[in-house]
Amino acid sequence: LWERAHLLATSRSIAARPINEAIELIDIENAEGRPRLTEPKLAALIGDTSWQPTFMFRMGNAARSGTATPRRDLAQVLQQ
């Protein structure tokens, strides 16, 4: 779903980027038995303590254009 949303945004000149660090930090805190500091902060930001996000991203108008990333030739990725 993210790939489709990102491609759609890009086709409309909208910048998009995953920002999943907070969700990953919640998992790390739980796995390591650390105090749960991130989860209440994220719940306060969202405004709903019952909602548990699994993936976060940002979208908007970029201040400047990004540089193009290298791409493989089509023949390198097609299977025959």
Protein backbone atom coordinates (compact mmCIF):
# COMPACT_ATOMS: atom_id res chain seq x y z
CA LEU A 1 0.00 0.00 0.00
CA TRP A 2 2.85 2.37 0.86
CA GLU A 3 4.52 1.83 -2.53
CA ARG A 4 1.29 2.68 -4.35
CA ALA A 5 0.66 5.76 -2.20
CA HIS A 6 4.25 6.93 -2.69
CA LEU A 7 4.10 6.44 -6.46
CA LEU A 8 0.77 8.27 -6.65
CA ALA A 9 2.15 11.15 -4.60
CA THR A 10 5.29 11.32 -6.74
CA SER A 11 3.20 11.39 -9.94
CA ARG A 12 1.46 14.46 -8.51
CA SER A 13 4.73 16.16 -7.47
CA ILE A 14 4.12 15.53 -3.78
CA ALA A 15 7.10 14.53 -1.65
CA ALA A 16 6.69 11.50 0.64
CA ARG A 17 8.93 9.77 3.18
CA PRO A 18 8.46 7.07 5.82
CA ILE A 19 8.98 8.26 9.41
CA ASN A 20 8.61 5.00 11.28
CA GLU A 21 11.22 5.63 13.99
CA ALA A 22 8.67 6.25 16.77
CA ILE A 23 6.87 2.98 16.11
CA GLU A 24 10.15 1.09 16.00
CA LEU A 25 11.20 2.69 19.28
CA ILE A 26 7.97 1.50 20.94
CA ASP A 27 8.81 -2.06 19.86
CA ILE A 28 12.37 -1.74 21.16
CA GLU A 29 11.21 -0.38 24.52
CA ASN A 30 8.75 -3.27 24.87
CA ALA A 31 11.25 -5.94 23.77
CA GLU A 32 14.00 -4.71 26.07
CA GLY A 33 11.74 -4.09 29.05
CA ARG A 34 12.55 -0.37 29.06
CA PRO A 35 10.14 2.21 30.46
CA ARG A 36 7.37 2.89 27.94
CA LEU A 37 8.10 6.53 27.14
CA THR A 38 7.43 6.74 23.41
CA GLU A 39 3.95 5.16 23.27
CA PRO A 40 2.22 7.78 25.46
CA LYS A 41 3.96 10.60 23.55
CA LEU A 42 2.75 9.20 20.23
CA ALA A 43 -0.78 8.71 21.63
CA ALA A 44 -0.80 12.35 22.79
CA LEU A 45 0.36 13.49 19.36
CA ILE A 46 -2.33 11.46 17.61
CA GLY A 47 -5.00 12.37 20.17
CA ASP A 48 -6.32 8.80 20.51
CA THR A 49 -4.93 6.28 22.98
CA SER A 50 -6.82 3.36 21.41
CA TRP A 51 -5.20 3.78 17.99
CA GLN A 52 -1.98 1.84 17.39
CA PRO A 53 -0.20 2.90 14.20
CA THR A 54 1.96 0.36 12.38
CA PHE A 55 3.46 2.64 9.74
CA MET A 56 3.88 6.40 9.58
CA PHE A 57 4.88 8.72 6.77
CA ARG A 58 4.91 12.37 5.86
CA MET A 59 3.70 13.95 2.63
CA GLY A 60 3.79 17.49 1.39
CA ASN A 61 5.31 19.95 -1.02
CA ALA A 62 9.09 19.75 -1.07
CA ALA A 63 11.13 22.89 -0.53
CA ARG A 64 13.48 21.76 -3.31
CA SER A 65 13.71 18.89 -5.77
CA GLY A 66 15.55 15.74 -4.77
CA THR A 67 18.35 14.28 -6.83
CA ALA A 68 17.56 11.35 -9.09
CA THR A 69 18.60 7.95 -7.78
CA PRO A 70 20.33 5.35 -9.98
CA ARG A 71 18.07 2.84 -11.69
CA ARG A 72 18.81 -0.55 -13.21
CA ASP A 73 18.09 -1.24 -16.87
CA LEU A 74 14.76 -2.94 -17.54
CA ALA A 75 16.55 -6.04 -18.87
CA GLN A 76 18.26 -6.48 -15.49
CA VAL A 77 14.97 -6.76 -13.58
CA LEU A 78 12.78 -8.75 -15.97
CA GLN A 79 12.64 -12.53 -15.70
CA GLN A 80 12.21 -14.55 -18.86
